[in-house]
Amino acid sequence: MAMLIKGEEIDILVARYCAMTGEKNKSEAVRKALAAQIETLSRKESLADRVVKIQQEAAALGFVSTGTDIEGDKAFMDEMWGEN
């Protein structure tokens, strides 16, 4: 499927990318830039995975939330995040 992308800012960004990478073909430059960004984003750890790690670390430290000690839970989480 062909795409037509118009806009002065797009032209400037593609030109800068080509100048920085030595790419001569604008379509190929856009393809490479998008492929690189998709690769970067797909390697990024999901929020769910980060939460699981935090929960596992908390459990290993003996933290079990009953949901009744809100101040104690907050203090613990602040410490875990280095915000105390």
PDB file of N, CA and C in Angstrom:
ATOM      1  N   MET A   1       0.847  -1.164   0.000  1.00  0.00           N
ATOM      2  CA  MET A   1       0.000   0.000   0.000  1.00  0.00           C
ATOM      3  C   MET A   1       0.902   1.239   0.000  1.00  0.00           C
ATOM      4  N   ALA A   2       0.692   2.102  -0.924  1.00  0.00           N
ATOM      5  CA  ALA A   2       1.488   3.319  -1.017  1.00  0.00           C
ATOM      6  C   ALA A   2       0.993   4.353  -0.014  1.00  0.00           C
ATOM      7  N   MET A   3       1.921   5.194   0.442  1.00  0.00           N
ATOM      8  CA  MET A   3       1.586   6.261   1.377  1.00  0.00           C
ATOM      9  C   MET A   3       2.153   7.561   0.854  1.00  0.00           C
ATOM     10  N   LEU A   4       1.388   8.604   1.002  1.00  0.00           N
ATOM     11  CA  LEU A   4       1.877   9.925   0.650  1.00  0.00           C
ATOM     12  C   LEU A   4       1.867  10.745   1.926  1.00  0.00           C
ATOM     13  N   ILE A   5       3.035  11.166   2.351  1.00  0.00           N
ATOM     14  CA  ILE A   5       3.157  11.951   3.581  1.00  0.00           C
ATOM     15  C   ILE A   5       3.659  13.327   3.195  1.00  0.00           C
ATOM     16  N   LYS A   6       2.860  14.326   3.522  1.00  0.00           N
ATOM     17  CA  LYS A   6       3.238  15.695   3.175  1.00  0.00           C
ATOM     18  C   LYS A   6       3.465  16.498   4.441  1.00  0.00           C
ATOM     19  N   GLY A   7       4.334  17.451   4.334  1.00  0.00           N
ATOM     20  CA  GLY A   7       4.550  18.362   5.447  1.00  0.00           C
ATOM     21  C   GLY A   7       5.992  18.813   5.486  1.00  0.00           C
ATOM     22  N   GLU A   8       6.163  20.090   5.713  1.00  0.00           N
ATOM     23  CA  GLU A   8       7.511  20.659   5.744  1.00  0.00           C
ATOM     24  C   GLU A   8       8.345  20.039   6.863  1.00  0.00           C
ATOM     25  N   GLU A   9       7.728  19.811   8.028  1.00  0.00           N
ATOM     26  CA  GLU A   9       8.466  19.221   9.142  1.00  0.00           C
ATOM     27  C   GLU A   9       8.937  17.811   8.806  1.00  0.00           C
ATOM     28  N   ILE A  10       8.090  17.042   8.129  1.00  0.00           N
ATOM     29  CA  ILE A  10       8.474  15.685   7.709  1.00  0.00           C
ATOM     30  C   ILE A  10       9.661  15.753   6.764  1.00  0.00           C
ATOM     31  N   ASP A  11       9.587  16.660   5.800  1.00  0.00           N
ATOM     32  CA  ASP A  11      10.696  16.819   4.845  1.00  0.00           C
ATOM     33  C   ASP A  11      11.996  17.153   5.573  1.00  0.00           C
ATOM     34  N   ILE A  12      11.915  18.047   6.542  1.00  0.00           N
ATOM     35  CA  ILE A  12      13.105  18.444   7.300  1.00  0.00           C
ATOM     36  C   ILE A  12      13.658  17.262   8.093  1.00  0.00           C
ATOM     37  N   LEU A  13      12.773  16.521   8.749  1.00  0.00           N
ATOM     38  CA  LEU A  13      13.221  15.366   9.535  1.00  0.00           C
ATOM     39  C   LEU A  13      13.867  14.303   8.653  1.00  0.00           C
ATOM     40  N   VAL A  14      13.256  14.019   7.510  1.00  0.00           N
ATOM     41  CA  VAL A  14      13.823  13.020   6.600  1.00  0.00           C
ATOM     42  C   VAL A  14      15.167  13.495   6.060  1.00  0.00           C
ATOM     43  N   ALA A  15      15.254  14.760   5.724  1.00  0.00           N
ATOM     44  CA  ALA A  15      16.522  15.305   5.222  1.00  0.00           C
ATOM     45  C   ALA A  15      17.616  15.212   6.287  1.00  0.00           C
ATOM     46  N   ARG A  16      17.268  15.523   7.532  1.00  0.00           N
ATOM     47  CA  ARG A  16      18.250  15.413   8.627  1.00  0.00           C
ATOM     48  C   ARG A  16      18.687  13.965   8.817  1.00  0.00           C
ATOM     49  N   TYR A  17      17.719  13.044   8.789  1.00  0.00           N
ATOM     50  CA  TYR A  17      18.042  11.623   8.941  1.00  0.00           C
ATOM     51  C   TYR A  17      18.986  11.185   7.817  1.00  0.00           C
ATOM     52  N   CYS A  18      18.661  11.574   6.588  1.00  0.00           N
ATOM     53  CA  CYS A  18      19.514  11.199   5.451  1.00  0.00           C
ATOM     54  C   CYS A  18      20.918  11.782   5.604  1.00  0.00           C
ATOM     55  N   ALA A  19      20.998  13.026   6.043  1.00  0.00           N
ATOM     56  CA  ALA A  19      22.315  13.654   6.225  1.00  0.00           C
ATOM     57  C   ALA A  19      23.119  12.942   7.304  1.00  0.00           C
ATOM     58  N   MET A  20      22.450  12.514   8.362  1.00  0.00           N
ATOM     59  CA  MET A  20      23.156  11.870   9.480  1.00  0.00           C
ATOM     60  C   MET A  20      23.556  10.431   9.166  1.00  0.00           C
ATOM     61  N   THR A  21      22.765   9.763   8.321  1.00  0.00           N
ATOM     62  CA  THR A  21      23.029   8.354   8.044  1.00  0.00           C
ATOM     63  C   THR A  21      23.690   8.116   6.692  1.00  0.00           C
ATOM     64  N   GLY A  22      23.660   9.123   5.821  1.00  0.00           N
ATOM     65  CA  GLY A  22      24.209   8.945   4.484  1.00  0.00           C
ATOM     66  C   GLY A  22      23.229   8.282   3.535  1.00  0.00           C
ATOM     67  N   GLU A  23      22.020   8.046   3.987  1.00  0.00           N
ATOM     68  CA  GLU A  23      20.997   7.432   3.140  1.00  0.00           C
ATOM     69  C   GLU A  23      20.630   8.393   2.016  1.00  0.00           C
ATOM     70  N   LYS A  24      20.516   7.876   0.792  1.00  0.00           N
ATOM     71  CA  LYS A  24      20.200   8.709  -0.368  1.00  0.00           C
ATOM     72  C   LYS A  24      18.710   8.645  -0.724  1.00  0.00           C
ATOM     73  N   ASN A  25      18.081   7.529  -0.436  1.00  0.00           N
ATOM     74  CA  ASN A  25      16.687   7.314  -0.806  1.00  0.00           C
ATOM     75  C   ASN A  25      15.783   7.662   0.378  1.00  0.00           C
ATOM     76  N   LYS A  26      14.878   8.624   0.177  1.00  0.00           N
ATOM     77  CA  LYS A  26      14.027   9.076   1.277  1.00  0.00           C
ATOM     78  C   LYS A  26      13.077   7.981   1.755  1.00  0.00           C
ATOM     79  N   SER A  27      12.532   7.203   0.828  1.00  0.00           N
ATOM     80  CA  SER A  27      11.630   6.114   1.228  1.00  0.00           C
ATOM     81  C   SER A  27      12.371   5.084   2.084  1.00  0.00           C
ATOM     82  N   GLU A  28      13.583   4.765   1.669  1.00  0.00           N
ATOM     83  CA  GLU A  28      14.392   3.809   2.433  1.00  0.00           C
ATOM     84  C   GLU A  28      14.768   4.392   3.792  1.00  0.00           C
ATOM     85  N   ALA A  29      15.002   5.694   3.839  1.00  0.00           N
ATOM     86  CA  ALA A  29      15.319   6.350   5.109  1.00  0.00           C
ATOM     87  C   ALA A  29      14.147   6.242   6.067  1.00  0.00           C
ATOM     88  N   VAL A  30      12.949   6.490   5.571  1.00  0.00           N
ATOM     89  CA  VAL A  30      11.751   6.387   6.415  1.00  0.00           C
ATOM     90  C   VAL A  30      11.564   4.945   6.872  1.00  0.00           C
ATOM     91  N   ARG A  31      11.740   3.975   5.957  1.00  0.00           N
ATOM     92  CA  ARG A  31      11.595   2.559   6.313  1.00  0.00           C
ATOM     93  C   ARG A  31      12.574   2.167   7.410  1.00  0.00           C
ATOM     94  N   LYS A  32      13.829   2.576   7.269  1.00  0.00           N
ATOM     95  CA  LYS A  32      14.847   2.232   8.261  1.00  0.00           C
ATOM     96  C   LYS A  32      14.563   2.881   9.615  1.00  0.00           C
ATOM     97  N   ALA A  33      14.157   4.142   9.579  1.00  0.00           N
ATOM     98  CA  ALA A  33      13.870   4.848  10.833  1.00  0.00           C
ATOM     99  C   ALA A  33      12.694   4.201  11.560  1.00  0.00           C
ATOM    100  N   LEU A  34      11.648   3.865  10.823  1.00  0.00           N
ATOM    101  CA  LEU A  34      10.490   3.214  11.449  1.00  0.00           C
ATOM    102  C   LEU A  34      10.849   1.824  11.970  1.00  0.00           C
ATOM    103  N   ALA A  35      11.594   1.075  11.206  1.00  0.00           N
ATOM    104  CA  ALA A  35      12.001  -0.268  11.640  1.00  0.00           C
ATOM    105  C   ALA A  35      12.839  -0.191  12.915  1.00  0.00           C
ATOM    106  N   ALA A  36      13.740   0.779  12.983  1.00  0.00           N
ATOM    107  CA  ALA A  36      14.579   0.932  14.175  1.00  0.00           C
ATOM    108  C   ALA A  36      13.737   1.318  15.389  1.00  0.00           C
ATOM    109  N   GLN A  37      12.776   2.206  15.203  1.00  0.00           N
ATOM    110  CA  GLN A  37      11.916   2.619  16.313  1.00  0.00           C
ATOM    111  C   GLN A  37      11.044   1.468  16.789  1.00  0.00           C
ATOM    112  N   ILE A  38      10.498   0.694  15.862  1.00  0.00           N
ATOM    113  CA  ILE A  38       9.681  -0.464  16.226  1.00  0.00           C
ATOM    114  C   ILE A  38      10.517  -1.470  17.010  1.00  0.00           C
ATOM    115  N   GLU A  39      11.739  -1.708  16.578  1.00  0.00           N
ATOM    116  CA  GLU A  39      12.642  -2.626  17.290  1.00  0.00           C
ATOM    117  C   GLU A  39      12.903  -2.128  18.704  1.00  0.00           C
ATOM    118  N   THR A  40      13.170  -0.848  18.852  1.00  0.00           N
ATOM    119  CA  THR A  40      13.421  -0.255  20.168  1.00  0.00           C
ATOM    120  C   THR A  40      12.212  -0.407  21.070  1.00  0.00           C
ATOM    121  N   LEU A  41      11.043  -0.099  20.558  1.00  0.00           N
ATOM    122  CA  LEU A  41       9.827  -0.181  21.367  1.00  0.00           C
ATOM    123  C   LEU A  41       9.478  -1.621  21.737  1.00  0.00           C
ATOM    124  N   SER A  42       9.755  -2.567  20.860  1.00  0.00           N
ATOM    125  CA  SER A  42       9.417  -3.957  21.159  1.00  0.00           C
ATOM    126  C   SER A  42      10.355  -4.562  22.201  1.00  0.00           C
ATOM    127  N   ARG A  43      11.547  -3.976  22.391  1.00  0.00           N
ATOM    128  CA  ARG A  43      12.471  -4.458  23.425  1.00  0.00           C
ATOM    129  C   ARG A  43      12.156  -3.848  24.787  1.00  0.00           C
ATOM    130  N   LYS A  44      11.342  -2.816  24.812  1.00  0.00           N
ATOM    131  CA  LYS A  44      11.025  -2.115  26.052  1.00  0.00           C
ATOM    132  C   LYS A  44      10.175  -3.012  26.951  1.00  0.00           C
ATOM    133  N   GLU A  45      10.553  -3.059  28.207  1.00  0.00           N
ATOM    134  CA  GLU A  45       9.843  -3.887  29.179  1.00  0.00           C
ATOM    135  C   GLU A  45       8.445  -3.309  29.431  1.00  0.00           C
ATOM    136  N   SER A  46       7.450  -4.184  29.429  1.00  0.00           N
ATOM    137  CA  SER A  46       6.081  -3.714  29.625  1.00  0.00           C
ATOM    138  C   SER A  46       5.839  -3.339  31.087  1.00  0.00           C
ATOM    139  N   LEU A  47       4.824  -2.533  31.293  1.00  0.00           N
ATOM    140  CA  LEU A  47       4.443  -2.142  32.653  1.00  0.00           C
ATOM    141  C   LEU A  47       4.097  -3.379  33.477  1.00  0.00           C
ATOM    142  N   ALA A  48       3.375  -4.306  32.890  1.00  0.00           N
ATOM    143  CA  ALA A  48       2.987  -5.526  33.607  1.00  0.00           C
ATOM    144  C   ALA A  48       4.224  -6.297  34.070  1.00  0.00           C
ATOM    145  N   ASP A  49       5.237  -6.397  33.205  1.00  0.00           N
ATOM    146  CA  ASP A  49       6.463  -7.102  33.575  1.00  0.00           C
ATOM    147  C   ASP A  49       7.199  -6.371  34.694  1.00  0.00           C
ATOM    148  N   ARG A  50       7.219  -5.032  34.632  1.00  0.00           N
ATOM    149  CA  ARG A  50       7.871  -4.262  35.698  1.00  0.00           C
ATOM    150  C   ARG A  50       7.147  -4.441  37.024  1.00  0.00           C
ATOM    151  N   VAL A  51       5.819  -4.459  36.998  1.00  0.00           N
ATOM    152  CA  VAL A  51       5.041  -4.639  38.223  1.00  0.00           C
ATOM    153  C   VAL A  51       5.302  -6.016  38.814  1.00  0.00           C
ATOM    154  N   VAL A  52       5.363  -7.037  37.987  1.00  0.00           N
ATOM    155  CA  VAL A  52       5.636  -8.393  38.467  1.00  0.00           C
ATOM    156  C   VAL A  52       6.986  -8.438  39.179  1.00  0.00           C
ATOM    157  N   LYS A  53       8.000  -7.807  38.603  1.00  0.00           N
ATOM    158  CA  LYS A  53       9.323  -7.787  39.234  1.00  0.00           C
ATOM    159  C   LYS A  53       9.281  -7.098  40.593  1.00  0.00           C
ATOM    160  N   ILE A  54       8.564  -5.988  40.666  1.00  0.00           N
ATOM    161  CA  ILE A  54       8.448  -5.267  41.942  1.00  0.00           C
ATOM    162  C   ILE A  54       7.717  -6.130  42.967  1.00  0.00           C
ATOM    163  N   GLN A  55       6.661  -6.800  42.549  1.00  0.00           N
ATOM    164  CA  GLN A  55       5.921  -7.669  43.461  1.00  0.00           C
ATOM    165  C   GLN A  55       6.793  -8.819  43.947  1.00  0.00           C
ATOM    166  N   GLN A  56       7.574  -9.389  43.063  1.00  0.00           N
ATOM    167  CA  GLN A  56       8.458 -10.488  43.456  1.00  0.00           C
ATOM    168  C   GLN A  56       9.524 -10.005  44.430  1.00  0.00           C
ATOM    169  N   GLU A  57      10.084  -8.834  44.177  1.00  0.00           N
ATOM    170  CA  GLU A  57      11.093  -8.280  45.071  1.00  0.00           C
ATOM    171  C   GLU A  57      10.478  -7.986  46.439  1.00  0.00           C
ATOM    172  N   ALA A  58       9.286  -7.428  46.444  1.00  0.00           N
ATOM    173  CA  ALA A  58       8.599  -7.126  47.706  1.00  0.00           C
ATOM    174  C   ALA A  58       8.320  -8.414  48.479  1.00  0.00           C
ATOM    175  N   ALA A  59       7.863  -9.446  47.786  1.00  0.00           N
ATOM    176  CA  ALA A  59       7.580 -10.730  48.449  1.00  0.00           C
ATOM    177  C   ALA A  59       8.858 -11.327  49.023  1.00  0.00           C
ATOM    178  N   ALA A  60       9.970 -11.213  48.285  1.00  0.00           N
ATOM    179  CA  ALA A  60      11.241 -11.753  48.766  1.00  0.00           C
ATOM    180  C   ALA A  60      11.714 -11.021  50.022  1.00  0.00           C
ATOM    181  N   LEU A  61      11.326  -9.750  50.149  1.00  0.00           N
ATOM    182  CA  LEU A  61      11.693  -8.964  51.331  1.00  0.00           C
ATOM    183  C   LEU A  61      10.705  -9.151  52.476  1.00  0.00           C
ATOM    184  N   GLY A  62       9.681  -9.964  52.225  1.00  0.00           N
ATOM    185  CA  GLY A  62       8.716 -10.251  53.282  1.00  0.00           C
ATOM    186  C   GLY A  62       7.532  -9.311  53.325  1.00  0.00           C
ATOM    187  N   PHE A  63       7.372  -8.494  52.323  1.00  0.00           N
ATOM    188  CA  PHE A  63       6.249  -7.562  52.307  1.00  0.00           C
ATOM    189  C   PHE A  63       4.999  -8.273  51.816  1.00  0.00           C
ATOM    190  N   VAL A  64       3.973  -8.245  52.641  1.00  0.00           N
ATOM    191  CA  VAL A  64       2.678  -8.786  52.251  1.00  0.00           C
ATOM    192  C   VAL A  64       1.641  -7.734  52.601  1.00  0.00           C
ATOM    193  N   SER A  65       0.965  -7.225  51.609  1.00  0.00           N
ATOM    194  CA  SER A  65      -0.028  -6.174  51.837  1.00  0.00           C
ATOM    195  C   SER A  65      -1.373  -6.794  52.170  1.00  0.00           C
ATOM    196  N   THR A  66      -1.916  -6.352  53.269  1.00  0.00           N
ATOM    197  CA  THR A  66      -3.276  -6.775  53.625  1.00  0.00           C
ATOM    198  C   THR A  66      -4.283  -5.773  53.104  1.00  0.00           C
ATOM    199  N   GLY A  67      -3.779  -4.650  52.657  1.00  0.00           N
ATOM    200  CA  GLY A  67      -4.650  -3.602  52.162  1.00  0.00           C
ATOM    201  C   GLY A  67      -5.208  -2.727  53.259  1.00  0.00           C
ATOM    202  N   THR A  68      -4.806  -2.990  54.514  1.00  0.00           N
ATOM    203  CA  THR A  68      -5.339  -2.216  55.638  1.00  0.00           C
ATOM    204  C   THR A  68      -4.349  -1.201  56.179  1.00  0.00           C
ATOM    205  N   ASP A  69      -3.065  -1.385  55.907  1.00  0.00           N
ATOM    206  CA  ASP A  69      -2.031  -0.473  56.410  1.00  0.00           C
ATOM    207  C   ASP A  69      -1.565   0.434  55.281  1.00  0.00           C
ATOM    208  N   ILE A  70      -2.415   1.348  54.886  1.00  0.00           N
ATOM    209  CA  ILE A  70      -2.126   2.201  53.738  1.00  0.00           C
ATOM    210  C   ILE A  70      -0.855   3.016  53.955  1.00  0.00           C
ATOM    211  N   GLU A  71      -0.691   3.610  55.139  1.00  0.00           N
ATOM    212  CA  GLU A  71       0.510   4.418  55.414  1.00  0.00           C
ATOM    213  C   GLU A  71       1.767   3.554  55.381  1.00  0.00           C
ATOM    214  N   GLY A  72       1.698   2.362  55.981  1.00  0.00           N
ATOM    215  CA  GLY A  72       2.847   1.454  55.977  1.00  0.00           C
ATOM    216  C   GLY A  72       3.171   0.970  54.575  1.00  0.00           C
ATOM    217  N   ASP A  73       2.126   0.665  53.798  1.00  0.00           N
ATOM    218  CA  ASP A  73       2.335   0.233  52.419  1.00  0.00           C
ATOM    219  C   ASP A  73       2.975   1.350  51.598  1.00  0.00           C
ATOM    220  N   LYS A  74       2.494   2.569  51.791  1.00  0.00           N
ATOM    221  CA  LYS A  74       3.043   3.705  51.055  1.00  0.00           C
ATOM    222  C   LYS A  74       4.509   3.925  51.420  1.00  0.00           C
ATOM    223  N   ALA A  75       4.813   3.859  52.708  1.00  0.00           N
ATOM    224  CA  ALA A  75       6.197   4.047  53.141  1.00  0.00           C
ATOM    225  C   ALA A  75       7.099   2.989  52.514  1.00  0.00           C
ATOM    226  N   PHE A  76       6.628   1.753  52.490  1.00  0.00           N
ATOM    227  CA  PHE A  76       7.413   0.665  51.893  1.00  0.00           C
ATOM    228  C   PHE A  76       7.635   0.919  50.402  1.00  0.00           C
ATOM    229  N   MET A  77       6.560   1.281  49.688  1.00  0.00           N
ATOM    230  CA  MET A  77       6.682   1.504  48.254  1.00  0.00           C
ATOM    231  C   MET A  77       7.565   2.718  47.959  1.00  0.00           C
ATOM    232  N   ASP A  78       7.450   3.758  48.779  1.00  0.00           N
ATOM    233  CA  ASP A  78       8.327   4.922  48.605  1.00  0.00           C
ATOM    234  C   ASP A  78       9.787   4.514  48.756  1.00  0.00           C
ATOM    235  N   GLU A  79      10.052   3.661  49.728  1.00  0.00           N
ATOM    236  CA  GLU A  79      11.425   3.190  49.938  1.00  0.00           C
ATOM    237  C   GLU A  79      11.890   2.360  48.754  1.00  0.00           C
ATOM    238  N   MET A  80      11.005   1.506  48.238  1.00  0.00           N
ATOM    239  CA  MET A  80      11.356   0.661  47.090  1.00  0.00           C
ATOM    240  C   MET A  80      11.726   1.518  45.868  1.00  0.00           C
ATOM    241  N   TRP A  81      11.048   2.637  45.710  1.00  0.00           N
ATOM    242  CA  TRP A  81      11.283   3.506  44.567  1.00  0.00           C
ATOM    243  C   TRP A  81      12.328   4.576  44.864  1.00  0.00           C
ATOM    244  N   GLY A  82      12.881   4.553  46.075  1.00  0.00           N
ATOM    245  CA  GLY A  82      13.902   5.525  46.438  1.00  0.00           C
ATOM    246  C   GLY A  82      13.345   6.926  46.621  1.00  0.00           C
ATOM    247  N   GLU A  83      12.116   7.015  47.070  1.00  0.00           N
ATOM    248  CA  GLU A  83      11.463   8.314  47.210  1.00  0.00           C
ATOM    249  C   GLU A  83      11.252   8.716  48.664  1.00  0.00           C
ATOM    250  N   ASN A  84      12.012   8.142  49.578  1.00  0.00           N
ATOM    251  CA  ASN A  84      11.808   8.534  50.977  1.00  0.00           C
ATOM    252  C   ASN A  84      12.861   9.500  51.429  1.00  0.00           C
TER     253      ASN A  84
END
